[in-house]
Protein backbone atom coordinates (compact mmCIF):
# COMPACT_ATOMS: atom_id res chain seq x y z
CA UNK A 1 67.39 -30.56 1.22
CA UNK A 2 66.03 -30.09 4.77
CA UNK A 3 64.60 -26.69 3.97
CA UNK A 4 63.47 -27.67 0.52
CA UNK A 5 61.23 -30.38 2.29
CA UNK A 6 59.89 -27.90 4.87
CA UNK A 7 58.93 -25.38 1.91
CA UNK A 8 57.36 -28.32 -0.27
CA UNK A 9 55.37 -29.33 2.28
CA UNK A 10 54.60 -25.92 3.71
CA UNK A 11 52.91 -24.87 0.08
CA UNK A 12 51.24 -28.47 0.40
CA UNK A 13 49.64 -28.04 3.39
CA UNK A 14 48.75 -24.17 2.57
CA UNK A 15 46.81 -25.73 -0.38
CA UNK A 16 45.10 -28.44 1.52
CA UNK A 17 43.71 -25.92 3.74
CA UNK A 18 42.10 -24.01 1.37
CA UNK A 19 40.41 -26.59 -0.87
CA UNK A 20 39.37 -28.05 2.79
CA UNK A 21 38.09 -24.43 3.55
CA UNK A 22 36.12 -24.00 0.27
CA UNK A 23 34.74 -27.35 0.81
CA UNK A 24 33.23 -26.71 4.14
CA UNK A 25 32.20 -23.29 3.44
CA UNK A 26 30.29 -24.31 0.32
CA UNK A 27 28.85 -27.58 2.11
CA UNK A 28 27.55 -24.85 4.99
CA UNK A 29 26.32 -22.34 2.84
CA UNK A 30 23.81 -24.69 0.52
CA UNK A 31 21.10 -25.20 2.98
CA UNK A 32 20.94 -21.19 3.65
CA UNK A 33 20.04 -20.51 0.15
CA UNK A 34 16.89 -22.30 0.54
CA UNK A 35 15.71 -20.74 3.41
CA UNK A 36 17.08 -16.96 2.66
CA UNK A 37 14.55 -14.92 0.80
CA UNK A 38 16.87 -11.70 0.43
CA UNK A 39 20.23 -11.71 -0.77
CA UNK A 40 21.97 -8.46 0.49
CA UNK A 41 24.86 -7.04 -1.93
CA UNK A 42 27.71 -5.40 -1.15
CA UNK A 43 27.19 -1.51 -1.38
CA UNK A 44 30.01 -1.19 -3.80
CA UNK A 45 29.11 -3.56 -6.18
CA UNK A 46 25.63 -2.19 -6.71
CA UNK A 47 25.59 -1.01 -10.37
CA UNK A 48 24.79 2.82 -9.73
CA UNK A 49 23.00 4.57 -12.59
CA UNK A 50 20.78 7.71 -13.57
CA UNK A 51 17.81 7.15 -15.66
CA UNK A 52 16.40 10.02 -17.26
CA UNK A 53 12.69 10.01 -18.87
CA UNK A 54 12.31 10.16 -22.23
CA UNK A 55 8.52 10.89 -22.87
CA UNK A 56 9.09 11.21 -26.85
CA UNK A 57 10.69 7.61 -26.99
CA UNK A 58 8.98 6.29 -23.86
CA UNK A 59 12.02 4.78 -22.65
CA UNK A 60 14.55 5.17 -19.80
CA UNK A 61 17.78 6.43 -20.74
CA UNK A 62 21.09 5.20 -18.55
CA UNK A 63 24.02 7.56 -18.36
CA UNK A 64 26.67 4.90 -16.40
CA UNK A 65 26.26 1.54 -15.86
CA UNK A 66 28.27 -1.43 -15.68
CA UNK A 67 26.75 -4.87 -16.51
CA UNK A 68 28.85 -8.60 -17.37
CA UNK A 69 27.53 -9.59 -21.22
CA UNK A 70 27.60 -13.52 -21.74
CA UNK A 71 25.63 -16.00 -24.04
CA UNK A 72 23.67 -18.96 -23.23
CA UNK A 73 26.60 -21.57 -23.21
CA UNK A 74 28.59 -19.82 -21.00
CA UNK A 75 25.64 -18.69 -18.33
CA UNK A 76 25.02 -22.24 -17.91
CA UNK A 77 28.59 -23.32 -17.24
CA UNK A 78 29.80 -19.80 -15.32
CA UNK A 79 26.61 -19.33 -13.02
CA UNK A 80 25.78 -22.09 -9.84
CA UNK A 81 22.46 -22.01 -9.15
CA UNK A 82 20.73 -18.69 -9.65
CA UNK A 83 17.13 -19.71 -8.48
CA UNK A 84 16.10 -21.19 -5.40
CA UNK A 85 12.50 -22.17 -4.86
CA UNK A 86 11.23 -22.05 -1.24
CA UNK A 87 9.81 -25.63 -0.29
CA UNK A 88 7.73 -24.06 2.25
CA UNK A 89 6.23 -20.86 0.20
CA UNK A 90 3.90 -22.65 -2.29
CA UNK A 91 0.41 -21.77 -1.76
CA UNK A 92 -2.47 -22.03 -4.04
CA UNK A 93 -4.37 -19.04 -5.30
CA UNK A 94 -7.18 -20.54 -7.35
CA UNK A 95 -7.07 -23.15 -10.00
CA UNK A 96 -4.21 -22.32 -11.69
CA UNK A 97 -1.83 -20.01 -10.05
CA UNK A 98 0.75 -21.28 -8.19
CA UNK A 99 3.13 -18.78 -6.12
CA UNK A 100 6.20 -19.87 -4.82
CA UNK A 101 8.99 -17.20 -2.80
CA UNK A 102 12.26 -17.27 -5.12
CA UNK A 103 15.84 -16.58 -3.73
CA UNK A 104 19.21 -16.08 -5.67
CA UNK A 105 22.75 -16.62 -4.87
CA UNK A 106 23.45 -13.25 -6.43
CA UNK A 107 21.66 -9.77 -6.48
CA UNK A 108 19.62 -9.16 -9.54
CA UNK A 109 22.33 -6.56 -10.72
CA UNK A 110 25.08 -8.88 -10.72
CA UNK A 111 23.38 -11.09 -13.04
CA UNK A 112 25.06 -11.10 -16.63
CA UNK A 113 22.96 -9.04 -19.40
CA UNK A 114 22.02 -11.31 -22.08
CA UNK A 115 23.87 -11.20 -25.57
CA UNK A 116 20.61 -10.47 -27.19
CA UNK A 117 20.04 -7.29 -24.97
CA UNK A 118 23.14 -5.92 -25.42
CA UNK A 119 22.06 -2.99 -27.88
CA UNK A 120 19.77 -0.31 -27.45
CA UNK A 121 17.07 -0.24 -26.17
CA UNK A 122 16.85 -3.31 -25.04
CA UNK A 123 19.82 -2.99 -22.13
CA UNK A 124 18.12 0.10 -20.50
CA UNK A 125 15.05 -1.58 -20.16
CA UNK A 126 16.66 -4.24 -18.32
CA UNK A 127 19.02 -2.34 -16.24
CA UNK A 128 16.23 0.34 -15.63
CA UNK A 129 14.01 -2.68 -14.14
CA UNK A 130 17.37 -3.84 -11.77
CA UNK A 131 17.51 -0.05 -10.76
CA UNK A 132 13.94 0.32 -9.98
CA UNK A 133 13.60 -3.08 -8.17
CA UNK A 134 16.05 -2.25 -5.82
CA UNK A 135 14.70 1.14 -5.00
CA UNK A 136 11.25 0.06 -4.71
CA UNK A 137 10.76 -3.55 -4.84
CA UNK A 138 7.11 -3.80 -3.86
CA UNK A 139 5.16 -6.25 -1.00
CA UNK A 140 5.42 -9.13 -3.64
CA UNK A 141 8.91 -8.88 -4.24
CA UNK A 142 10.05 -12.64 -4.08
CA UNK A 143 6.91 -14.00 -4.71
CA UNK A 144 6.54 -15.59 -8.57
CA UNK A 145 2.95 -17.51 -9.65
CA UNK A 146 4.71 -20.38 -11.94
CA UNK A 147 0.97 -21.00 -13.74
CA UNK A 148 2.00 -18.00 -16.28
CA UNK A 149 5.20 -19.72 -17.05
CA UNK A 150 5.33 -21.79 -20.39
CA UNK A 151 8.85 -23.19 -21.29
CA UNK A 152 10.21 -24.64 -24.86
CA UNK A 153 13.35 -27.30 -23.70
CA UNK A 154 14.25 -27.34 -27.55
CA UNK A 155 15.03 -23.83 -28.10
CA UNK A 156 15.63 -23.22 -24.36
CA UNK A 157 13.12 -20.76 -23.96
CA UNK A 158 10.65 -19.72 -20.97
CA UNK A 159 7.81 -17.16 -21.71
CA UNK A 160 5.86 -15.03 -18.93
CA UNK A 161 2.75 -14.92 -20.54
CA UNK A 162 0.74 -11.98 -19.65
CA UNK A 163 -2.68 -11.54 -21.02
CA UNK A 164 -3.67 -9.19 -23.80
CA UNK A 165 -0.15 -8.41 -24.39
CA UNK A 166 -0.09 -10.97 -27.55
CA UNK A 167 -0.28 -13.91 -25.21
CA UNK A 168 -2.52 -16.00 -27.89
CA UNK A 169 -0.15 -15.63 -30.66
CA UNK A 170 3.11 -16.11 -28.46
CA UNK A 171 1.20 -19.28 -27.36
CA UNK A 172 1.19 -20.70 -30.48
CA UNK A 173 4.42 -19.90 -31.48
CA UNK A 174 5.25 -21.81 -28.23
CA UNK A 175 3.28 -24.81 -30.04
CA UNK A 176 5.48 -24.98 -32.62
CA UNK A 177 8.91 -24.61 -31.19
CA UNK A 178 7.49 -27.31 -28.42
CA UNK A 179 7.01 -29.84 -31.88
CA UNK A 180 3.09 -29.80 -30.66
CA UNK A 181 2.20 -28.22 -33.95
CA UNK A 182 2.80 -28.00 -37.56
CA UNK A 183 4.24 -24.84 -39.20
CA UNK A 184 1.03 -24.77 -41.46
CA UNK A 185 -1.05 -25.25 -38.58
CA UNK A 186 0.57 -23.20 -35.92
CA UNK A 187 -1.47 -20.11 -36.45
CA UNK A 188 -4.75 -22.25 -36.91
CA UNK A 189 -5.14 -24.15 -33.48
CA UNK A 190 -8.33 -23.68 -31.81
CA UNK A 191 -8.29 -20.94 -29.33
CA UNK A 192 -9.33 -23.39 -26.83
CA UNK A 193 -6.40 -25.54 -27.31
CA UNK A 194 -4.17 -22.00 -26.23
CA UNK A 195 -5.93 -21.63 -23.05
CA UNK A 196 -3.25 -21.60 -20.54
CA UNK A 197 -3.61 -24.87 -18.45
CA UNK A 198 -6.95 -25.50 -19.36
CA UNK A 199 -6.34 -26.27 -23.10
CA UNK A 200 -3.12 -28.42 -24.62
CA UNK A 201 -0.59 -25.56 -23.87
CA UNK A 202 0.68 -26.19 -20.16
CA UNK A 203 2.37 -24.14 -17.76
CA UNK A 204 5.83 -24.97 -15.45
CA UNK A 205 3.30 -25.30 -12.34
CA UNK A 206 2.78 -28.94 -12.83
CA UNK A 207 6.63 -29.83 -12.29
CA UNK A 208 8.50 -30.72 -9.33
CA UNK A 209 10.22 -28.04 -7.94
CA UNK A 210 13.26 -28.92 -8.70
CA UNK A 211 12.50 -29.37 -12.37
CA UNK A 212 11.18 -25.35 -12.05
CA UNK A 213 14.46 -24.63 -10.57
CA UNK A 214 16.75 -26.06 -13.71
CA UNK A 215 13.79 -24.07 -16.26
CA UNK A 216 14.39 -20.67 -14.52
CA UNK A 217 18.36 -21.28 -14.45
CA UNK A 218 19.25 -22.71 -17.92
CA UNK A 219 16.45 -21.46 -20.18
CA UNK A 220 16.16 -18.09 -22.10
CA UNK A 221 13.33 -15.69 -19.56
CA UNK A 222 11.44 -13.25 -22.03
CA UNK A 223 7.75 -11.32 -21.63
CA UNK A 224 5.84 -8.75 -23.54
CA UNK A 225 5.01 -5.69 -21.52
CA UNK A 226 2.88 -3.12 -22.79
CA UNK A 227 1.06 -0.11 -21.39
CA UNK A 228 -1.33 -0.22 -18.52
CA UNK A 229 -4.39 1.67 -19.77
CA UNK A 230 -4.07 0.11 -23.50
CA UNK A 231 -4.07 -3.07 -21.66
CA UNK A 232 -6.92 -2.58 -19.77
CA UNK A 233 -8.88 -0.72 -22.96
CA UNK A 234 -7.99 -3.95 -24.36
CA UNK A 235 -9.50 -5.99 -22.05
CA UNK A 236 -12.43 -4.34 -21.36
CA UNK A 237 -12.77 -4.48 -25.47
CA UNK A 238 -12.63 -8.04 -25.48
CA UNK A 239 -14.35 -9.30 -22.16
CA UNK A 240 -17.12 -6.53 -22.22
CA UNK A 241 -17.26 -4.70 -25.23
CA UNK A 242 -19.78 -7.05 -26.77
CA UNK A 243 -21.51 -9.80 -24.97
CA UNK A 244 -19.52 -12.86 -24.08
CA UNK A 245 -18.57 -15.43 -21.13
CA UNK A 246 -17.33 -12.77 -19.24
CA UNK A 247 -20.69 -10.98 -19.08
CA UNK A 248 -21.92 -13.80 -16.99
CA UNK A 249 -18.87 -14.64 -15.12
CA UNK A 250 -17.29 -11.33 -14.31
CA UNK A 251 -19.79 -8.58 -15.37
CA UNK A 252 -22.58 -9.64 -12.85
CA UNK A 253 -20.17 -9.80 -10.10
CA UNK A 254 -18.83 -6.19 -11.10
CA UNK A 255 -21.99 -5.00 -11.39
CA UNK A 256 -23.20 -6.46 -7.86
CA UNK A 257 -20.05 -5.06 -6.29
CA UNK A 258 -20.54 -1.97 -7.45
CA UNK A 259 -24.31 -1.77 -6.53
CA UNK A 260 -23.23 -2.69 -2.87
CA UNK A 261 -20.63 0.10 -3.11
CA UNK A 262 -22.73 2.87 -4.34
CA UNK A 263 -25.31 1.10 -1.88
CA UNK A 264 -22.72 2.02 0.80
CA UNK A 265 -24.85 -1.19 2.27
CA UNK A 266 -24.87 -4.80 3.20
CA UNK A 267 -26.25 -5.77 0.75
CA UNK A 268 -26.10 -8.36 -2.54
CA UNK A 269 -28.84 -8.62 -5.22
CA UNK A 270 -29.87 -11.99 -5.09
CA UNK A 271 -29.62 -13.36 -8.76
CA UNK A 272 -30.93 -17.16 -8.24
CA UNK A 273 -33.13 -17.29 -5.10
CA UNK A 274 -35.07 -14.56 -5.90
CA UNK A 275 -36.75 -13.16 -9.50
CA UNK A 276 -35.32 -9.93 -11.42
CA UNK A 277 -38.39 -8.27 -9.95
CA UNK A 278 -37.97 -9.14 -6.55
CA UNK A 279 -34.81 -8.80 -5.81
CA UNK A 280 -34.80 -5.09 -7.44
CA UNK A 281 -37.93 -4.40 -4.95
CA UNK A 282 -35.96 -5.52 -1.99
CA UNK A 283 -33.33 -3.44 -2.53
CA UNK A 284 -36.17 -0.24 -3.20
CA UNK A 285 -36.96 -0.89 0.45
CA UNK A 286 -33.51 -0.48 1.61
CA UNK A 287 -32.97 3.04 3.85
CA UNK A 288 -30.14 3.94 2.27
CA UNK A 289 -31.79 3.84 -1.25
CA UNK A 290 -34.65 6.12 -0.20
CA UNK A 291 -32.42 8.87 0.80
CA UNK A 292 -30.68 8.69 -2.72
CA UNK A 293 -31.20 11.89 -4.91
CA UNK A 294 -33.75 10.79 -7.89
CA UNK A 295 -30.57 10.52 -10.57
CA UNK A 296 -28.82 8.17 -7.77
CA UNK A 297 -31.85 6.33 -7.86
CA UNK A 298 -32.68 5.78 -11.51
CA UNK A 299 -28.56 5.09 -11.49
CA UNK A 300 -29.48 2.39 -8.78
CA UNK A 301 -32.23 0.73 -10.73
CA UNK A 302 -30.12 0.57 -13.70
CA UNK A 303 -27.40 -0.90 -12.36
CA UNK A 304 -29.71 -3.47 -10.64
CA UNK A 305 -31.03 -4.58 -13.77
CA UNK A 306 -27.93 -5.03 -15.42
CA UNK A 307 -26.26 -6.84 -12.87
CA UNK A 308 -28.64 -9.99 -14.21
CA UNK A 309 -26.67 -9.67 -17.49
CA UNK A 310 -23.55 -8.65 -17.04
CA UNK A 311 -23.38 -5.77 -19.23
CA UNK A 312 -21.36 -3.09 -17.44
CA UNK A 313 -19.60 0.28 -18.43
CA UNK A 314 -16.16 1.13 -18.97
CA UNK A 315 -15.93 3.53 -15.86
CA UNK A 316 -17.73 0.60 -13.73
CA UNK A 317 -15.08 -1.71 -15.00
CA UNK A 318 -12.10 0.25 -14.11
CA UNK A 319 -14.27 1.44 -10.70
CA UNK A 320 -15.65 -1.71 -9.62
CA UNK A 321 -13.47 -4.38 -11.40
CA UNK A 322 -10.31 -2.93 -10.94
CA UNK A 323 -10.01 -0.17 -7.84
CA UNK A 324 -12.60 -2.55 -5.97
CA UNK A 325 -10.00 -4.91 -4.96
CA UNK A 326 -10.86 -7.72 -2.76
CA UNK A 327 -9.06 -7.98 0.42
CA UNK A 328 -7.20 -5.43 -1.22
CA UNK A 329 -5.35 -8.60 -2.82
CA UNK A 330 -4.14 -7.13 -6.63
CA UNK A 331 -3.16 -10.74 -7.48
CA UNK A 332 -6.99 -11.55 -7.26
CA UNK A 333 -7.80 -9.59 -10.38
CA UNK A 334 -8.56 -11.69 -12.94
CA UNK A 335 -4.95 -12.19 -15.10
CA UNK A 336 -6.49 -9.94 -18.19
CA UNK A 337 -6.39 -7.00 -15.95
CA UNK A 338 -4.35 -7.86 -13.21
CA UNK A 339 -0.90 -5.97 -12.97
CA UNK A 340 2.00 -7.25 -15.15
CA UNK A 341 4.41 -7.04 -12.50
CA UNK A 342 2.40 -9.39 -10.46
CA UNK A 343 1.92 -11.50 -13.51
CA UNK A 344 5.74 -11.79 -13.95
CA UNK A 345 7.33 -10.17 -11.40
CA UNK A 346 10.99 -8.74 -12.72
CA UNK A 347 11.77 -7.89 -9.19
CA UNK A 348 12.02 -11.75 -8.31
CA UNK A 349 12.79 -13.42 -12.18
CA UNK A 350 15.66 -11.17 -13.92
CA UNK A 351 14.28 -11.42 -17.64
CA UNK A 352 17.00 -12.01 -20.16
CA UNK A 353 14.49 -10.30 -23.32
CA UNK A 354 11.57 -8.17 -22.70
CA UNK A 355 9.54 -7.42 -25.98
CA UNK A 356 7.64 -3.89 -25.79
CA UNK A 357 3.78 -3.82 -27.34
CA UNK A 358 4.48 -0.85 -29.03
CA UNK A 359 7.19 -2.14 -31.26
CA UNK A 360 5.69 -5.57 -30.97
CA UNK A 361 6.69 -8.09 -34.53
CA UNK A 362 10.40 -6.01 -35.08
CA UNK A 363 11.35 -7.28 -31.34
CA UNK A 364 9.33 -10.75 -31.69
CA UNK A 365 11.19 -11.33 -35.00
CA UNK A 366 14.69 -10.13 -33.23
CA UNK A 367 13.69 -13.40 -30.61
CA UNK A 368 12.66 -15.70 -32.98
CA UNK A 369 15.66 -15.43 -35.56
CA UNK A 370 17.63 -15.97 -31.95
CA UNK A 371 15.87 -18.90 -30.89
CA UNK A 372 15.94 -20.93 -34.07
CA UNK A 373 19.20 -19.58 -35.67
CA UNK A 374 20.49 -23.29 -35.53
CA UNK A 375 16.82 -24.34 -37.22
CA UNK A 376 16.84 -24.40 -41.28
CA UNK A 377 15.34 -20.84 -42.20
CA UNK A 378 12.72 -23.19 -44.10
CA UNK A 379 11.61 -24.44 -41.10
CA UNK A 380 11.36 -20.73 -39.20
CA UNK A 381 8.54 -19.01 -37.90
CA UNK A 382 7.84 -15.62 -37.82
CA UNK A 383 6.10 -13.48 -36.16
CA UNK A 384 2.60 -12.26 -37.98
CA UNK A 385 1.97 -9.18 -39.43
CA UNK A 386 -1.38 -7.72 -37.70
CA UNK A 387 -4.58 -8.41 -39.52
CA UNK A 388 -6.06 -4.54 -38.76
CA UNK A 389 -4.38 -2.01 -36.71
CA UNK A 390 -5.82 -0.06 -33.67
CA UNK A 391 -4.40 3.22 -32.53
CA UNK A 392 -4.46 2.75 -28.91
CA UNK A 393 -2.90 5.94 -28.18
CA UNK A 394 -5.91 7.66 -29.76
CA UNK A 395 -8.42 4.97 -28.39
CA UNK A 396 -7.19 5.01 -24.90
CA UNK A 397 -7.78 9.02 -24.70
CA UNK A 398 -11.46 8.73 -26.05
CA UNK A 399 -12.25 5.84 -23.28
CA UNK A 400 -10.42 8.01 -20.46
CA UNK A 401 -11.81 11.49 -21.63
CA UNK A 402 -14.69 10.97 -19.48
CA UNK A 403 -13.15 8.91 -16.29
CA UNK A 404 -13.29 11.73 -13.24
CA UNK A 405 -9.54 12.46 -12.37
CA UNK A 406 -9.87 10.79 -8.85
CA UNK A 407 -10.56 7.27 -10.75
CA UNK A 408 -7.77 7.83 -12.90
CA UNK A 409 -5.32 8.67 -9.94
CA UNK A 410 -7.08 5.58 -8.04
CA UNK A 411 -6.38 3.07 -11.62
CA UNK A 412 -2.54 4.47 -11.61
CA UNK A 413 -1.98 3.36 -7.90
CA UNK A 414 -3.10 -0.34 -8.50
CA UNK A 415 -0.77 -0.25 -11.82
CA UNK A 416 1.80 2.02 -10.01
CA UNK A 417 4.67 -0.82 -10.37
CA UNK A 418 3.87 -1.32 -13.90
CA UNK A 419 4.11 1.77 -14.72
CA UNK A 420 7.13 2.32 -12.56
CA UNK A 421 9.27 -1.29 -13.35
CA UNK A 422 8.47 -1.06 -17.03
CA UNK A 423 9.26 2.64 -17.62
CA UNK A 424 5.79 3.77 -18.93
CA UNK A 425 4.51 7.31 -18.77
CA UNK A 426 1.39 7.60 -16.28
CA UNK A 427 0.76 11.10 -17.30
CA UNK A 428 -0.16 10.18 -21.01
CA UNK A 429 -4.07 9.76 -19.77
């Protein structure tokens, strides 16, 4: 009897010690999660895979890999908490951007794959991004712009909005999923209503940090990616191909930046205090202008005149609007041609599903079917068929055919992480 009592007391003591140990270590570790920006995984636990680039299918194929697959309900029960936002790193970048550093309590390679991404090519996309983020995390590897995310709590969806990647259509869909519009009116909303944060659709940046953490932890995160050069051509055609507000707001600035670089002088063309003739005459009196060759002088005069209207060429858009980045911070670029990897940062946020613009309708329908599976089918919203088709492969070739190799390489450098993370071929053009 005495021996049995001692044995029972011993077992109870061990169990109590174990419970106290877990409670203490958990309590001590929680504050650390909010200050830490990186998590170093045990090398033995890292997913090891070799990826081979297939130029025909334009995807990365995985030779060996392992990943856990769970559905949304299991994810909420098993994973506590995933994303933590550092309160001390919130900083404003313009009127609608709000950046925050994000940390996780598990490394990206240990995140479970969403059930919707277990098939090819979705699985390879996600695992490829994880591998590349581990290899080359980039300068802003923990920074996330909350001003790019739109949530739908009714269906548990969180969209990262990327301009020129079918973002207007997807914002209209999110308005319907959120219950803000009817099915018949979903695609009839005025475009001004769909301007992020300025219209009726709002980003999550207005929420407190605790709410944002919940949205990232509980909702299905998705985005649309596109070949960087296709996106650049689309942005130029949309904003500068014909007269628009961007001529005045961006084109004039890009032309003046180009003039300053071309003249290699501390000279800014005055657009307000002087007349066009007075400003151009002031430029012609510069010593640098007088040393230019006659063709270069003609170009400088032409660019100076167009600086008042904002009518810029595609080459000028690339050279002075994309490559000449203010303070070498690409986050200062307009969202319509800012790198996708900065807008959505797949190295900080583990996306559950990634749609390729090249397969836009079929892959969007796959996601919409999943999100609306508990809704009556008569209430389902479908991704619309395009009213017209533009072959962006041939169109992009025509736009880039007269661009110098030096400038093409400089543009590739700006978008190097887009090519690398999302598996697009930088040598295609």
